[in-house]
N, C-alpha and C. Protein backbone atom coordinates (compact mmCIF):
# COMPACT_ATOMS: atom_id res chain seq x y z
N MET A 1 -332.95 24.35 172.21
CA MET A 1 -332.58 25.80 173.11
C MET A 1 -333.61 25.83 174.36
N THR A 2 -333.06 26.23 175.40
CA THR A 2 -333.93 26.31 176.46
C THR A 2 -334.36 28.07 176.52
N GLN A 3 -335.82 28.12 176.35
CA GLN A 3 -336.19 29.59 176.35
C GLN A 3 -336.58 29.82 177.96
N ALA A 4 -336.09 31.02 178.36
CA ALA A 4 -336.90 31.68 179.77
C ALA A 4 -337.48 32.87 179.16
N ILE A 5 -338.83 33.10 180.05
CA ILE A 5 -339.90 34.06 179.72
C ILE A 5 -339.36 34.90 180.91
N VAL A 6 -339.08 36.12 181.07
CA VAL A 6 -338.90 37.00 181.98
C VAL A 6 -339.98 38.05 182.30
N ARG A 7 -340.75 38.22 183.31
CA ARG A 7 -341.84 39.26 183.19
C ARG A 7 -341.37 39.94 184.23
N LEU A 8 -341.56 41.28 184.17
CA LEU A 8 -341.30 42.46 185.21
C LEU A 8 -342.49 42.83 185.31
N ILE A 9 -342.93 42.60 186.67
CA ILE A 9 -344.52 43.58 187.08
C ILE A 9 -344.18 44.71 187.83
N PHE A 10 -344.90 45.65 187.18
CA PHE A 10 -344.60 46.95 187.73
C PHE A 10 -346.06 47.37 188.44
N HIS A 11 -346.37 48.05 189.31
CA HIS A 11 -347.49 48.58 190.22
C HIS A 11 -347.90 49.94 189.73
N LYS A 12 -347.88 50.10 188.05
CA LYS A 12 -348.39 51.42 187.74
C LYS A 12 -349.34 51.12 186.68
N THR A 13 -350.44 52.03 186.30
CA THR A 13 -351.20 52.15 185.16
C THR A 13 -350.55 52.71 184.30
N MET A 14 -350.35 52.56 182.99
CA MET A 14 -349.94 53.36 181.97
C MET A 14 -351.03 53.60 180.80
N THR A 15 -350.73 54.19 179.65
CA THR A 15 -351.60 54.60 178.73
C THR A 15 -351.59 53.54 177.80
N ALA A 16 -352.56 53.86 176.69
CA ALA A 16 -352.59 52.97 175.31
C ALA A 16 -351.17 52.13 174.99
N THR A 17 -351.69 50.99 174.57
CA THR A 17 -350.58 50.29 174.15
C THR A 17 -350.69 50.06 172.60
N THR A 18 -349.41 50.30 171.71
CA THR A 18 -349.39 50.24 170.56
C THR A 18 -348.69 49.28 169.69
N VAL A 19 -349.14 48.47 168.89
CA VAL A 19 -348.28 47.66 168.12
C VAL A 19 -347.24 48.13 166.99
N PRO A 20 -345.96 48.42 167.07
CA PRO A 20 -344.98 48.78 166.12
C PRO A 20 -345.48 48.81 164.50
N THR A 21 -345.73 47.36 164.57
CA THR A 21 -345.94 47.05 163.30
C THR A 21 -347.26 47.71 162.34
N ASP A 22 -348.06 48.31 163.16
CA ASP A 22 -349.11 49.08 162.74
C ASP A 22 -348.82 50.69 162.39
N LEU A 23 -347.61 51.01 162.66
CA LEU A 23 -347.15 52.12 162.40
C LEU A 23 -346.40 52.43 160.95
N PRO A 24 -346.43 53.43 160.14
CA PRO A 24 -345.92 53.27 158.98
C PRO A 24 -344.18 53.47 158.87
N ALA A 25 -343.53 52.63 158.14
CA ALA A 25 -342.33 52.91 158.05
C ALA A 25 -341.65 53.92 157.31
N PRO A 26 -340.56 54.47 157.44
CA PRO A 26 -340.28 55.80 156.59
C PRO A 26 -340.09 55.34 155.38
N ALA A 27 -340.51 56.46 154.39
CA ALA A 27 -340.47 56.08 152.85
C ALA A 27 -339.12 56.48 152.28
N LEU A 28 -338.36 55.72 152.78
CA LEU A 28 -336.91 56.02 152.00
C LEU A 28 -336.23 54.89 151.22
N LYS A 29 -335.57 55.34 150.05
CA LYS A 29 -335.12 54.08 149.63
C LYS A 29 -333.62 53.68 149.89
N PRO A 30 -333.45 52.37 149.63
CA PRO A 30 -332.26 51.90 150.35
C PRO A 30 -331.04 52.80 149.61
N GLY A 31 -329.82 52.85 150.60
CA GLY A 31 -328.79 53.68 150.34
C GLY A 31 -329.00 55.38 150.66
N MET A 32 -330.18 55.72 151.17
CA MET A 32 -330.54 57.13 151.28
C MET A 32 -329.91 57.48 152.85
N ASP A 33 -329.59 58.58 152.91
CA ASP A 33 -329.46 58.99 154.39
C ASP A 33 -330.55 59.07 155.30
N CYS A 34 -330.55 58.26 156.40
CA CYS A 34 -331.92 58.26 157.31
C CYS A 34 -331.36 58.75 158.78
N ARG A 35 -330.57 59.59 158.94
CA ARG A 35 -330.03 60.08 160.12
C ARG A 35 -331.46 60.86 160.74
N GLU A 36 -332.01 61.45 160.15
CA GLU A 36 -332.96 62.52 160.57
C GLU A 36 -334.22 61.59 161.22
N ALA A 37 -334.41 60.45 160.34
CA ALA A 37 -335.79 59.48 161.06
C ALA A 37 -335.21 58.81 161.81
N PHE A 38 -334.01 58.33 162.04
CA PHE A 38 -333.61 57.41 163.26
C PHE A 38 -333.29 58.44 164.42
N GLN A 39 -333.02 59.64 164.25
CA GLN A 39 -332.68 60.56 165.55
C GLN A 39 -334.19 60.68 165.97
N ALA A 40 -335.33 61.12 165.18
CA ALA A 40 -336.58 61.37 165.61
C ALA A 40 -337.19 60.00 166.57
N ALA A 41 -336.75 58.90 165.93
CA ALA A 41 -337.05 57.73 166.67
C ALA A 41 -336.26 57.64 168.06
N TYR A 42 -335.12 57.84 167.99
CA TYR A 42 -334.14 57.82 169.09
C TYR A 42 -334.78 58.75 170.19
N GLU A 43 -335.08 60.06 169.86
CA GLU A 43 -335.41 61.07 170.85
C GLU A 43 -337.14 60.70 171.12
N ASN A 44 -337.58 59.95 170.79
CA ASN A 44 -338.86 59.80 170.99
C ASN A 44 -338.99 58.64 172.23
N ARG A 45 -338.21 58.10 172.70
CA ARG A 45 -338.02 57.23 173.90
C ARG A 45 -338.35 58.11 175.13
N TYR A 46 -339.13 57.10 175.88
CA TYR A 46 -339.51 57.67 177.32
C TYR A 46 -338.25 57.56 178.01
N THR A 47 -337.68 58.46 178.71
CA THR A 47 -336.38 58.42 179.54
C THR A 47 -336.61 58.93 180.88
N TRP A 48 -335.76 58.73 181.79
CA TRP A 48 -335.88 58.99 183.20
C TRP A 48 -335.07 60.36 183.40
N ASP A 49 -335.73 61.29 184.20
CA ASP A 49 -334.79 62.41 184.41
C ASP A 49 -333.73 62.09 185.60
N GLN A 50 -332.98 63.25 185.92
CA GLN A 50 -331.90 62.88 187.03
C GLN A 50 -332.53 62.70 188.37
N GLY A 51 -333.85 62.90 188.73
CA GLY A 51 -334.45 62.82 189.97
C GLY A 51 -334.83 61.18 190.16
N PHE A 52 -334.62 60.48 188.94
CA PHE A 52 -335.44 59.02 188.95
C PHE A 52 -334.89 58.74 190.43
N PRO A 53 -335.99 58.13 191.28
CA PRO A 53 -335.86 57.56 192.54
C PRO A 53 -335.37 56.10 192.61
N GLY A 54 -335.82 55.41 191.31
CA GLY A 54 -335.71 53.95 191.39
C GLY A 54 -337.03 53.45 191.42
N TYR A 55 -337.25 51.98 191.32
CA TYR A 55 -338.58 51.25 191.45
C TYR A 55 -338.14 49.76 191.98
N ARG A 56 -339.32 49.37 192.52
CA ARG A 56 -339.25 47.91 192.73
C ARG A 56 -340.52 47.17 192.29
N GLY A 57 -340.33 45.67 192.22
CA GLY A 57 -341.71 44.96 191.69
C GLY A 57 -341.52 43.38 191.88
N ARG A 58 -342.20 42.82 191.06
CA ARG A 58 -341.99 41.40 191.24
C ARG A 58 -341.54 40.75 189.86
N CYS A 59 -340.88 39.58 189.74
CA CYS A 59 -340.35 38.94 188.84
C CYS A 59 -340.86 37.79 188.50
N GLU A 60 -341.27 37.25 187.29
CA GLU A 60 -341.53 35.86 187.12
C GLU A 60 -340.82 35.25 186.01
N VAL A 61 -340.16 34.08 186.24
CA VAL A 61 -339.05 33.71 185.03
C VAL A 61 -339.81 32.30 184.96
N THR A 62 -340.25 32.00 183.65
CA THR A 62 -340.75 30.72 183.14
C THR A 62 -339.90 30.20 182.33
N ARG A 63 -339.74 28.75 182.28
CA ARG A 63 -338.77 28.03 181.15
C ARG A 63 -339.35 26.32 181.60
N SER A 64 -338.58 25.60 180.71
CA SER A 64 -339.13 24.14 180.90
C SER A 64 -338.87 23.66 182.43
N GLY A 65 -339.97 23.24 183.06
CA GLY A 65 -339.68 22.71 184.39
C GLY A 65 -340.42 23.71 185.28
N GLY A 66 -341.18 24.74 184.90
CA GLY A 66 -341.95 25.45 185.52
C GLY A 66 -341.74 27.17 185.98
N THR A 67 -342.15 27.53 186.73
CA THR A 67 -342.01 29.12 186.89
C THR A 67 -341.25 29.60 188.19
N ALA A 68 -340.36 30.32 188.33
CA ALA A 68 -339.98 30.59 189.52
C ALA A 68 -340.46 32.21 189.69
N THR A 69 -340.43 32.78 191.11
CA THR A 69 -340.94 34.23 191.02
C THR A 69 -340.03 34.56 192.23
N GLY A 70 -339.86 35.99 192.23
CA GLY A 70 -338.82 36.54 193.12
C GLY A 70 -339.19 38.39 193.11
N THR A 71 -338.22 38.92 193.57
CA THR A 71 -338.56 40.65 193.65
C THR A 71 -337.32 41.05 193.13
N PHE A 72 -337.50 42.19 192.80
CA PHE A 72 -336.42 42.89 192.37
C PHE A 72 -336.42 44.46 192.61
N GLN A 73 -335.22 45.06 192.66
CA GLN A 73 -335.28 46.74 193.02
C GLN A 73 -334.05 47.22 191.94
N LEU A 74 -334.69 48.27 191.62
CA LEU A 74 -333.59 48.93 190.67
C LEU A 74 -333.26 50.58 191.36
N GLY A 75 -332.11 50.90 191.68
CA GLY A 75 -331.79 52.07 192.45
C GLY A 75 -331.69 53.29 191.65
N PRO A 76 -331.73 54.31 192.48
CA PRO A 76 -331.45 55.49 191.48
C PRO A 76 -330.19 55.52 190.78
N ASP A 77 -329.36 54.53 191.08
CA ASP A 77 -327.82 54.31 190.53
C ASP A 77 -327.93 53.42 189.29
N LEU A 78 -329.49 53.00 189.07
CA LEU A 78 -329.51 51.78 187.94
C LEU A 78 -329.28 50.59 188.30
N LYS A 79 -328.41 50.35 189.55
CA LYS A 79 -327.88 48.89 189.72
C LYS A 79 -329.17 48.19 190.27
N ALA A 80 -328.93 46.97 189.74
CA ALA A 80 -330.15 45.96 190.02
C ALA A 80 -330.04 44.90 191.31
N HIS A 81 -330.76 44.90 192.15
CA HIS A 81 -330.92 43.73 193.02
C HIS A 81 -332.02 42.80 192.93
N VAL A 82 -331.75 41.39 192.67
CA VAL A 82 -332.61 40.52 192.68
C VAL A 82 -332.76 39.57 193.83
N GLU A 83 -333.73 38.95 194.38
CA GLU A 83 -334.15 38.18 195.36
C GLU A 83 -335.08 37.42 195.41
N GLY A 84 -334.90 36.01 195.91
CA GLY A 84 -335.83 35.20 195.86
C GLY A 84 -335.85 33.90 194.56
N LEU A 85 -334.56 34.24 193.92
CA LEU A 85 -334.54 32.99 192.85
C LEU A 85 -333.34 32.11 193.22
N SER A 86 -333.55 30.90 193.26
CA SER A 86 -332.48 30.14 193.85
C SER A 86 -331.39 29.72 192.76
N ASP A 87 -331.88 29.85 191.55
CA ASP A 87 -331.20 29.37 190.37
C ASP A 87 -330.22 30.81 190.11
N PRO A 88 -328.96 30.45 190.06
CA PRO A 88 -328.20 31.95 189.72
C PRO A 88 -328.35 32.18 188.01
N ASP A 89 -328.59 31.34 187.07
CA ASP A 89 -328.93 31.64 185.58
C ASP A 89 -330.03 32.26 185.55
N LEU A 90 -331.14 32.03 186.33
CA LEU A 90 -332.43 32.70 186.46
C LEU A 90 -332.14 34.31 187.14
N THR A 91 -331.68 34.16 188.16
CA THR A 91 -330.97 35.58 188.38
C THR A 91 -330.61 36.39 187.60
N LYS A 92 -329.62 35.87 186.90
CA LYS A 92 -328.94 36.54 185.71
C LYS A 92 -329.52 36.88 184.50
N ALA A 93 -330.70 36.09 184.31
CA ALA A 93 -331.72 36.72 183.43
C ALA A 93 -332.49 37.69 183.73
N VAL A 94 -332.97 37.86 184.80
CA VAL A 94 -333.55 39.13 185.33
C VAL A 94 -332.73 40.11 185.33
N HIS A 95 -331.54 40.06 186.16
CA HIS A 95 -330.74 41.19 185.80
C HIS A 95 -330.13 41.70 184.35
N ASN A 96 -330.01 40.99 183.43
CA ASN A 96 -330.03 41.21 181.99
C ASN A 96 -331.32 42.09 181.50
N GLN A 97 -332.46 41.56 181.91
CA GLN A 97 -333.80 42.31 181.67
C GLN A 97 -333.75 43.62 182.24
N LEU A 98 -333.39 43.81 183.49
CA LEU A 98 -333.44 45.03 184.11
C LEU A 98 -332.39 46.01 183.37
N TRP A 99 -331.22 45.57 183.06
CA TRP A 99 -330.08 46.05 182.48
C TRP A 99 -330.99 46.71 180.88
N GLU A 100 -331.41 45.95 180.37
CA GLU A 100 -332.18 46.26 179.17
C GLU A 100 -333.05 47.51 179.22
N VAL A 101 -333.88 47.30 180.21
CA VAL A 101 -334.80 48.44 180.63
C VAL A 101 -334.27 49.58 181.15
N ALA A 102 -333.08 49.40 181.90
CA ALA A 102 -332.79 50.74 182.30
C ALA A 102 -331.59 51.38 181.22
N ILE A 103 -331.14 50.69 180.64
CA ILE A 103 -330.10 51.29 179.58
C ILE A 103 -330.75 52.29 178.69
N HIS A 104 -331.97 51.83 178.30
CA HIS A 104 -332.96 52.50 177.77
C HIS A 104 -333.74 53.75 178.21
N ARG A 105 -333.71 53.70 179.20
CA ARG A 105 -334.31 54.77 180.01
C ARG A 105 -333.25 55.85 180.50
N VAL A 106 -331.98 55.78 180.00
CA VAL A 106 -331.01 57.14 180.50
C VAL A 106 -331.19 58.11 179.40
N ARG A 107 -331.29 59.17 179.38
CA ARG A 107 -331.34 60.34 178.51
C ARG A 107 -330.06 60.64 178.30
N ARG A 108 -329.28 60.35 177.01
CA ARG A 108 -328.21 60.90 176.52
C ARG A 108 -328.44 61.78 174.96
N PRO A 109 -327.81 62.74 174.90
CA PRO A 109 -328.26 63.48 173.50
C PRO A 109 -327.82 62.66 172.45
N PHE A 110 -328.37 62.96 171.44
CA PHE A 110 -328.10 61.93 170.30
C PHE A 110 -326.55 62.03 169.61
N THR A 111 -326.22 63.43 169.72
CA THR A 111 -324.94 63.64 169.27
C THR A 111 -323.82 63.07 170.08
N GLN A 112 -324.22 62.91 171.47
CA GLN A 112 -323.26 62.35 172.16
C GLN A 112 -323.00 60.84 171.89
N VAL A 113 -324.37 60.15 172.01
CA VAL A 113 -324.18 58.62 171.40
C VAL A 113 -324.08 58.34 169.95
N HIS A 114 -324.35 58.97 169.07
CA HIS A 114 -324.06 58.72 167.67
C HIS A 114 -323.58 59.73 166.96
N GLY A 115 -322.66 60.80 167.71
CA GLY A 115 -321.98 61.70 166.60
C GLY A 115 -321.09 61.43 165.51
N ASP A 116 -320.28 60.08 166.49
CA ASP A 116 -319.15 59.87 165.20
C ASP A 116 -320.21 58.54 164.01
N ASN A 117 -321.28 58.51 164.10
CA ASN A 117 -322.12 57.29 163.32
C ASN A 117 -322.41 57.80 162.04
N GLY A 118 -322.67 57.32 161.07
CA GLY A 118 -323.49 57.86 159.83
C GLY A 118 -324.65 56.60 159.93
N PHE A 119 -325.75 57.07 159.17
CA PHE A 119 -326.93 55.83 159.20
C PHE A 119 -327.46 55.91 157.48
N VAL A 120 -327.54 54.76 157.10
CA VAL A 120 -327.96 54.53 155.73
C VAL A 120 -329.37 53.81 155.87
N ALA A 121 -330.19 53.95 155.09
CA ALA A 121 -331.47 53.07 155.05
C ALA A 121 -331.04 51.92 154.21
N GLY A 122 -331.76 50.99 154.63
CA GLY A 122 -331.55 49.26 154.17
C GLY A 122 -332.88 49.06 153.43
N ASP A 123 -333.31 47.88 153.52
CA ASP A 123 -334.44 46.97 153.33
C ASP A 123 -335.44 47.68 153.92
N THR A 124 -336.88 47.30 153.70
CA THR A 124 -338.02 47.62 154.55
C THR A 124 -338.80 46.10 154.70
N ASN A 125 -338.92 45.84 155.93
CA ASN A 125 -339.79 44.50 155.97
C ASN A 125 -340.94 44.68 157.30
N ALA A 126 -341.61 43.58 157.55
CA ALA A 126 -342.65 43.86 158.63
C ALA A 126 -341.98 44.37 160.00
N VAL A 127 -340.86 44.16 160.19
CA VAL A 127 -340.42 44.80 161.36
C VAL A 127 -340.20 46.54 161.50
N GLY A 128 -339.80 46.84 159.92
CA GLY A 128 -339.65 48.14 159.91
C GLY A 128 -338.32 48.38 158.88
N MET A 129 -338.06 49.54 158.63
CA MET A 129 -336.88 50.07 157.52
C MET A 129 -335.56 49.98 158.54
N GLU A 130 -334.77 49.19 157.80
CA GLU A 130 -333.29 49.02 158.28
C GLU A 130 -332.37 50.21 158.30
N VAL A 131 -331.82 50.44 159.35
CA VAL A 131 -330.99 51.47 159.77
C VAL A 131 -329.69 50.84 159.60
N ILE A 132 -328.68 51.07 158.73
CA ILE A 132 -327.41 50.59 158.99
C ILE A 132 -326.49 51.52 159.15
N VAL A 133 -325.70 51.12 160.32
CA VAL A 133 -324.74 52.22 160.91
C VAL A 133 -323.50 52.07 160.43
N THR A 134 -322.97 53.15 159.88
CA THR A 134 -321.63 53.41 159.39
C THR A 134 -320.75 54.19 160.64
N GLY A 135 -319.41 54.17 160.40
CA GLY A 135 -318.43 54.86 161.27
C GLY A 135 -317.92 54.22 162.59
N LYS A 136 -318.06 54.96 163.60
CA LYS A 136 -317.39 54.54 164.62
C LYS A 136 -318.15 52.89 165.08
N ALA A 137 -319.40 53.07 164.95
CA ALA A 137 -320.18 51.64 165.51
C ALA A 137 -320.79 50.78 164.17
N ALA A 138 -319.92 50.85 163.31
CA ALA A 138 -320.14 50.28 162.14
C ALA A 138 -320.53 48.70 162.35
N GLY A 139 -321.64 48.09 161.58
CA GLY A 139 -321.55 46.62 162.18
C GLY A 139 -323.01 46.70 162.83
N ASP A 140 -323.32 47.89 163.64
CA ASP A 140 -324.53 47.77 164.42
C ASP A 140 -325.69 48.17 163.45
N ARG A 141 -326.72 47.45 163.61
CA ARG A 141 -328.09 48.24 162.83
C ARG A 141 -329.25 48.29 163.76
N TYR A 142 -330.26 48.91 163.05
CA TYR A 142 -331.49 49.02 163.55
C TYR A 142 -332.75 48.91 162.87
N ARG A 143 -334.02 48.71 163.14
CA ARG A 143 -335.22 49.02 162.16
C ARG A 143 -336.11 50.20 163.04
N ILE A 144 -336.80 50.63 162.35
CA ILE A 144 -337.59 51.89 162.98
C ILE A 144 -339.08 51.79 162.08
N ARG A 145 -340.08 52.02 162.80
CA ARG A 145 -341.37 52.19 162.41
C ARG A 145 -341.96 53.46 162.98
N GLY A 146 -342.64 54.49 162.10
CA GLY A 146 -342.97 55.56 163.00
C GLY A 146 -341.81 55.97 163.45
N ASN A 147 -342.09 56.67 164.72
CA ASN A 147 -340.98 57.22 165.68
C ASN A 147 -340.70 56.09 166.70
N VAL A 148 -340.49 54.93 166.46
CA VAL A 148 -340.32 53.79 167.31
C VAL A 148 -339.19 52.92 166.82
N VAL A 149 -337.88 52.69 167.46
CA VAL A 149 -337.14 51.84 167.35
C VAL A 149 -337.59 50.22 167.53
N THR A 150 -338.08 49.66 166.34
CA THR A 150 -338.67 48.17 166.54
C THR A 150 -337.56 47.12 166.55
N MET A 151 -336.40 47.56 166.24
CA MET A 151 -335.16 46.12 166.38
C MET A 151 -333.88 47.07 166.49
N VAL A 152 -332.93 46.36 167.42
CA VAL A 152 -331.65 46.99 167.81
C VAL A 152 -331.13 45.89 167.71
N HIS A 153 -329.60 45.76 167.12
CA HIS A 153 -328.74 44.89 166.87
C HIS A 153 -327.41 45.56 167.27
N ARG A 154 -326.81 45.39 168.31
CA ARG A 154 -325.68 46.03 168.60
C ARG A 154 -324.63 44.88 169.28
N HIS A 155 -323.39 45.39 169.20
CA HIS A 155 -322.20 44.66 169.72
C HIS A 155 -321.87 45.27 170.79
N ILE A 156 -322.20 44.67 171.97
CA ILE A 156 -321.83 45.27 173.60
C ILE A 156 -321.06 44.23 174.46
N HIS A 157 -319.93 44.84 174.79
CA HIS A 157 -319.17 43.91 175.56
C HIS A 157 -318.85 42.73 175.29
N GLY A 158 -318.40 42.45 174.03
CA GLY A 158 -317.95 41.01 173.78
C GLY A 158 -319.09 40.36 173.20
N GLN A 159 -320.43 40.65 173.06
CA GLN A 159 -321.31 39.89 172.59
C GLN A 159 -322.25 40.70 171.79
N VAL A 160 -323.21 40.05 170.83
CA VAL A 160 -324.24 40.68 170.08
C VAL A 160 -325.56 40.70 170.95
N VAL A 161 -326.23 41.83 170.90
CA VAL A 161 -327.62 41.72 171.74
C VAL A 161 -328.63 42.23 170.50
N THR A 162 -329.55 41.53 170.43
CA THR A 162 -330.59 41.72 169.16
C THR A 162 -332.11 41.85 170.04
N ILE A 163 -332.57 42.97 169.98
CA ILE A 163 -333.96 43.09 170.48
C ILE A 163 -335.07 43.64 169.57
N HIS A 164 -335.98 42.63 169.71
CA HIS A 164 -337.03 43.01 168.94
C HIS A 164 -338.17 43.44 169.70
N THR A 165 -338.75 44.87 169.40
CA THR A 165 -339.65 45.16 170.22
C THR A 165 -341.28 44.91 169.34
N GLU A 166 -342.14 44.38 170.17
CA GLU A 166 -343.30 43.87 169.76
C GLU A 166 -344.48 44.84 170.41
N ALA A 167 -344.50 45.50 171.20
CA ALA A 167 -345.58 46.47 171.59
C ALA A 167 -344.89 47.49 172.56
N VAL A 168 -345.58 48.63 172.51
CA VAL A 168 -344.64 49.91 173.09
C VAL A 168 -346.26 50.64 173.85
N THR A 169 -345.79 51.26 174.94
CA THR A 169 -346.63 51.81 175.63
C THR A 169 -346.73 53.53 175.32
N GLU A 170 -347.63 54.08 174.94
CA GLU A 170 -347.50 55.74 174.90
C GLU A 170 -347.61 56.22 175.99
N THR A 171 -346.64 57.00 176.58
CA THR A 171 -346.57 57.59 178.05
C THR A 171 -347.01 58.94 177.93
N GLY A 172 -346.93 59.55 176.95
CA GLY A 172 -347.26 61.13 176.68
C GLY A 172 -345.92 61.79 176.82
N ALA A 173 -344.75 61.12 177.10
CA ALA A 173 -343.40 61.71 176.97
C ALA A 173 -342.47 60.78 176.38
N GLY A 174 -343.16 60.18 175.43
CA GLY A 174 -342.20 59.18 174.71
C GLY A 174 -342.65 57.93 175.06
N TYR A 175 -342.05 56.76 173.93
CA TYR A 175 -342.79 55.41 174.04
C TYR A 175 -341.84 54.68 174.98
N LEU A 176 -342.71 53.74 175.54
CA LEU A 176 -341.69 52.79 176.34
C LEU A 176 -342.02 51.28 175.98
N SER A 177 -341.11 50.46 175.95
CA SER A 177 -341.27 49.12 175.29
C SER A 177 -342.11 48.36 176.39
N ARG A 178 -343.13 47.68 175.84
CA ARG A 178 -343.77 47.14 176.77
C ARG A 178 -343.64 45.45 176.83
N HIS A 179 -343.43 45.20 175.36
CA HIS A 179 -343.12 43.51 175.24
C HIS A 179 -342.05 43.62 174.20
N TYR A 180 -341.09 42.82 174.45
CA TYR A 180 -339.91 42.54 173.35
C TYR A 180 -339.20 41.30 173.54
N ARG A 181 -338.49 40.85 172.87
CA ARG A 181 -337.72 39.68 172.72
C ARG A 181 -336.26 40.10 172.45
N SER A 182 -335.56 39.38 173.31
CA SER A 182 -333.95 39.80 173.03
C SER A 182 -333.25 38.43 173.15
N ARG A 183 -332.09 38.58 172.59
CA ARG A 183 -331.29 37.48 172.33
C ARG A 183 -329.71 37.76 172.32
N TYR A 184 -328.77 37.15 172.85
CA TYR A 184 -327.34 37.40 173.21
C TYR A 184 -326.63 36.29 172.37
N SER A 185 -325.88 36.86 171.48
CA SER A 185 -324.99 35.94 170.63
C SER A 185 -323.60 36.07 170.52
N ASP A 186 -322.93 35.02 170.18
CA ASP A 186 -321.43 35.07 169.89
C ASP A 186 -321.26 35.78 168.69
N PRO A 187 -320.52 36.74 168.77
CA PRO A 187 -320.23 37.86 167.70
C PRO A 187 -319.56 37.20 166.65
N ARG A 188 -318.87 36.49 166.71
CA ARG A 188 -318.10 35.67 165.72
C ARG A 188 -318.82 34.49 164.87
N SER A 189 -319.57 33.55 165.81
CA SER A 189 -320.35 32.73 164.91
C SER A 189 -321.88 32.81 164.72
N GLY A 190 -322.14 33.81 165.37
CA GLY A 190 -323.80 34.05 165.26
C GLY A 190 -324.60 33.09 166.25
N GLU A 191 -323.97 32.24 166.71
CA GLU A 191 -324.72 31.38 167.45
C GLU A 191 -325.20 32.07 168.85
N PRO A 192 -326.60 31.71 169.56
CA PRO A 192 -327.00 32.05 170.66
C PRO A 192 -326.00 31.77 171.69
N TRP A 193 -325.69 32.80 172.70
CA TRP A 193 -324.83 32.77 173.88
C TRP A 193 -324.98 31.59 174.64
N VAL A 194 -324.27 30.94 175.18
CA VAL A 194 -324.48 29.66 175.91
C VAL A 194 -324.19 29.93 177.32
N ARG A 195 -325.00 29.75 178.32
CA ARG A 195 -324.83 30.13 179.79
C ARG A 195 -324.07 28.59 180.11
N ASN A 196 -323.63 28.77 181.67
CA ASN A 196 -322.86 27.86 182.22
C ASN A 196 -323.27 26.41 182.33
N ASN A 197 -324.81 26.53 182.30
CA ASN A 197 -325.54 24.98 182.28
C ASN A 197 -325.45 24.37 180.85
N GLY A 198 -324.73 25.17 179.70
CA GLY A 198 -324.92 24.51 178.43
C GLY A 198 -325.94 24.87 177.64
N SER A 199 -327.16 25.75 178.21
CA SER A 199 -328.15 26.37 177.54
C SER A 199 -328.22 27.47 176.97
N ALA A 200 -328.77 27.82 176.02
CA ALA A 200 -329.13 29.31 175.56
C ALA A 200 -330.24 29.75 175.98
N MET A 201 -330.50 31.13 176.34
CA MET A 201 -331.70 31.66 176.81
C MET A 201 -331.90 32.87 175.89
N SER A 202 -333.20 33.02 175.42
CA SER A 202 -334.15 34.15 174.75
C SER A 202 -334.65 34.74 175.97
N LEU A 203 -334.70 35.91 176.02
CA LEU A 203 -335.72 36.52 177.09
C LEU A 203 -336.75 37.34 176.38
N ARG A 204 -337.74 37.22 177.14
CA ARG A 204 -339.17 38.19 176.78
C ARG A 204 -339.42 38.85 177.96
N ARG A 205 -339.76 40.13 177.78
CA ARG A 205 -340.39 40.52 179.06
C ARG A 205 -341.96 40.81 178.88
């Protein structure tokens, strides 16, 4: 597998970084309803308000063969523009990374997103307590520690996206993922999604 490491560089000083594995997992037994615990973590995310003006920065993409640099801009409409990368696969990787950042910064009421879902506690491991989704989004699952969603496993647009959060920044208005790994997989086989060049990519912000 070819791995691409994507770094988005923002020109802003944030507050302290927290490693989610240092946080306590909810003390719920498998099979118990965990809607309240999951909702608390969902609502603890740092989000943008309606006046979000957009931002821009530099991007670095590293894979076997070297590092490529470029620039990006995310507009108020959350549409990304990437320049300076000659390889279309690398440009796509940065677009995916910006989408992951932006989609989790949009503020949507919990009942609007998850009103048709149920949440049941699963096992607990180093990543956190598993949240098994039932109802409309059955098949999706999460893990949480403290009020942080440490893992997301969702079926989106014909693919499975799995994201593991490894460090977060406490902004004073919710947590913001600082380091995470994400993988795009085939929903039927579970194999990593294959790009046009025949290689699969895992992304790390």
